[in-house]
């Protein structure tokens, strides 16, 4: 499985190679999600990416979350975790 602090490389919709740092992996409703930061996104304006992790044999695939309700649920969970760690 992909681990925290690991770097992954993928190809975007335009065929460009993109690298991400895996900041964390969370589980919501028995589904794993990766919190990713673009490798070149070290400034405060960088947006985190949340992607669903799906196991394919021994490999893990990153899938976009197309369902708004699913995305909102995961984002709310991540915010909740962040709030708890800030206290």
C-alpha atoms as a PDB file:
ATOM      1  CA  UNK A   1       0.000   0.000   0.000  1.00  0.00           C
ATOM      2  CA  UNK A   2       1.024   3.561  -0.551  1.00  0.00           C
ATOM      3  CA  UNK A   3       2.434   5.041   2.631  1.00  0.00           C
ATOM      4  CA  UNK A   4       2.366   8.488   4.149  1.00  0.00           C
ATOM      5  CA  UNK A   5       5.253  10.706   3.055  1.00  0.00           C
ATOM      6  CA  UNK A   6       5.673   8.659  -0.122  1.00  0.00           C
ATOM      7  CA  UNK A   7       5.931  10.344  -3.487  1.00  0.00           C
ATOM      8  CA  UNK A   8       3.786   9.152  -6.361  1.00  0.00           C
ATOM      9  CA  UNK A   9       3.962   9.976 -10.033  1.00  0.00           C
ATOM     10  CA  UNK A  10       1.000   9.961 -12.373  1.00  0.00           C
ATOM     11  CA  UNK A  11      -0.105  11.414 -15.694  1.00  0.00           C
ATOM     12  CA  UNK A  12      -2.744  14.149 -15.872  1.00  0.00           C
ATOM     13  CA  UNK A  13      -5.530  14.476 -18.443  1.00  0.00           C
ATOM     14  CA  UNK A  14      -3.149  16.348 -20.772  1.00  0.00           C
ATOM     15  CA  UNK A  15      -0.519  13.600 -20.691  1.00  0.00           C
ATOM     16  CA  UNK A  16       1.829  15.578 -18.447  1.00  0.00           C
ATOM     17  CA  UNK A  17       3.770  13.778 -15.737  1.00  0.00           C
ATOM     18  CA  UNK A  18       2.802  15.051 -12.258  1.00  0.00           C
ATOM     19  CA  UNK A  19       4.341  14.206  -8.882  1.00  0.00           C
ATOM     20  CA  UNK A  20       2.533  14.285  -5.540  1.00  0.00           C
ATOM     21  CA  UNK A  21       3.496  13.886  -1.911  1.00  0.00           C
ATOM     22  CA  UNK A  22       1.152  11.550  -0.019  1.00  0.00           C
ATOM     23  CA  UNK A  23       0.355  13.510   3.144  1.00  0.00           C
ATOM     24  CA  UNK A  24      -2.014  11.005   4.695  1.00  0.00           C
ATOM     25  CA  UNK A  25      -4.340   8.116   4.026  1.00  0.00           C
ATOM     26  CA  UNK A  26      -7.761   8.140   5.688  1.00  0.00           C
ATOM     27  CA  UNK A  27     -10.597   5.637   5.718  1.00  0.00           C
ATOM     28  CA  UNK A  28     -14.206   6.802   5.445  1.00  0.00           C
ATOM     29  CA  UNK A  29     -17.034   4.261   5.249  1.00  0.00           C
ATOM     30  CA  UNK A  30     -14.508   1.441   4.677  1.00  0.00           C
ATOM     31  CA  UNK A  31     -12.990   3.205   1.650  1.00  0.00           C
ATOM     32  CA  UNK A  32      -9.384   4.482   1.650  1.00  0.00           C
ATOM     33  CA  UNK A  33      -8.586   7.988   0.423  1.00  0.00           C
ATOM     34  CA  UNK A  34      -5.204   9.613  -0.143  1.00  0.00           C
ATOM     35  CA  UNK A  35      -4.563  13.258   0.692  1.00  0.00           C
ATOM     36  CA  UNK A  36      -2.083  14.502  -1.890  1.00  0.00           C
ATOM     37  CA  UNK A  37      -0.055  17.685  -2.300  1.00  0.00           C
ATOM     38  CA  UNK A  38       1.407  18.540  -5.695  1.00  0.00           C
ATOM     39  CA  UNK A  39       5.180  18.221  -5.359  1.00  0.00           C
ATOM     40  CA  UNK A  40       5.673  21.719  -6.747  1.00  0.00           C
ATOM     41  CA  UNK A  41       2.984  23.051  -4.408  1.00  0.00           C
ATOM     42  CA  UNK A  42       5.030  24.068  -1.406  1.00  0.00           C
ATOM     43  CA  UNK A  43       3.447  27.515  -1.071  1.00  0.00           C
ATOM     44  CA  UNK A  44       0.312  28.355   0.897  1.00  0.00           C
ATOM     45  CA  UNK A  45      -1.788  28.719  -2.268  1.00  0.00           C
ATOM     46  CA  UNK A  46      -1.414  25.044  -3.182  1.00  0.00           C
ATOM     47  CA  UNK A  47      -4.545  22.958  -3.094  1.00  0.00           C
ATOM     48  CA  UNK A  48      -4.649  19.510  -1.607  1.00  0.00           C
ATOM     49  CA  UNK A  49      -6.060  16.725  -3.690  1.00  0.00           C
ATOM     50  CA  UNK A  50      -8.234  13.936  -2.316  1.00  0.00           C
ATOM     51  CA  UNK A  51      -8.328  10.729  -4.324  1.00  0.00           C
ATOM     52  CA  UNK A  52      -9.942   7.356  -3.719  1.00  0.00           C
ATOM     53  CA  UNK A  53      -7.531   4.418  -3.409  1.00  0.00           C
ATOM     54  CA  UNK A  54      -8.595   1.234  -5.127  1.00  0.00           C
ATOM     55  CA  UNK A  55      -6.666  -2.009  -4.906  1.00  0.00           C
ATOM     56  CA  UNK A  56      -6.023  -3.813  -8.196  1.00  0.00           C
ATOM     57  CA  UNK A  57      -4.173  -7.017  -7.345  1.00  0.00           C
ATOM     58  CA  UNK A  58      -1.037  -5.868  -5.561  1.00  0.00           C
ATOM     59  CA  UNK A  59      -1.207  -2.375  -7.050  1.00  0.00           C
ATOM     60  CA  UNK A  60      -3.141   0.612  -5.739  1.00  0.00           C
ATOM     61  CA  UNK A  61      -4.873   2.900  -8.195  1.00  0.00           C
ATOM     62  CA  UNK A  62      -5.799   6.508  -7.540  1.00  0.00           C
ATOM     63  CA  UNK A  63      -9.307   7.434  -8.675  1.00  0.00           C
ATOM     64  CA  UNK A  64     -10.932  10.839  -8.829  1.00  0.00           C
ATOM     65  CA  UNK A  65     -14.047  11.341  -6.726  1.00  0.00           C
ATOM     66  CA  UNK A  66     -16.827  12.360  -9.107  1.00  0.00           C
ATOM     67  CA  UNK A  67     -19.667  12.174  -6.575  1.00  0.00           C
ATOM     68  CA  UNK A  68     -20.072  15.537  -4.796  1.00  0.00           C
ATOM     69  CA  UNK A  69     -21.686  13.938  -1.734  1.00  0.00           C
ATOM     70  CA  UNK A  70     -18.824  11.451  -1.353  1.00  0.00           C
ATOM     71  CA  UNK A  71     -16.236  14.214  -1.759  1.00  0.00           C
ATOM     72  CA  UNK A  72     -17.962  16.459   0.807  1.00  0.00           C
ATOM     73  CA  UNK A  73     -18.144  13.590   3.311  1.00  0.00           C
ATOM     74  CA  UNK A  74     -14.407  12.873   2.990  1.00  0.00           C
ATOM     75  CA  UNK A  75     -13.473  16.569   3.075  1.00  0.00           C
ATOM     76  CA  UNK A  76     -15.558  17.075   6.244  1.00  0.00           C
ATOM     77  CA  UNK A  77     -13.845  14.087   7.876  1.00  0.00           C
ATOM     78  CA  UNK A  78     -10.401  15.477   7.012  1.00  0.00           C
ATOM     79  CA  UNK A  79     -11.348  18.897   8.417  1.00  0.00           C
ATOM     80  CA  UNK A  80     -12.536  17.206  11.601  1.00  0.00           C
ATOM     81  CA  UNK A  81      -9.184  15.432  11.954  1.00  0.00           C
ATOM     82  CA  UNK A  82      -7.299  18.698  11.336  1.00  0.00           C
ATOM     83  CA  UNK A  83      -9.377  20.485  13.980  1.00  0.00           C
ATOM     84  CA  UNK A  84      -8.628  17.739  16.522  1.00  0.00           C
ATOM     85  CA  UNK A  85      -4.885  17.849  15.869  1.00  0.00           C
ATOM     86  CA  UNK A  86      -4.798  21.644  16.202  1.00  0.00           C
ATOM     87  CA  UNK A  87      -6.273  21.523  19.716  1.00  0.00           C
END
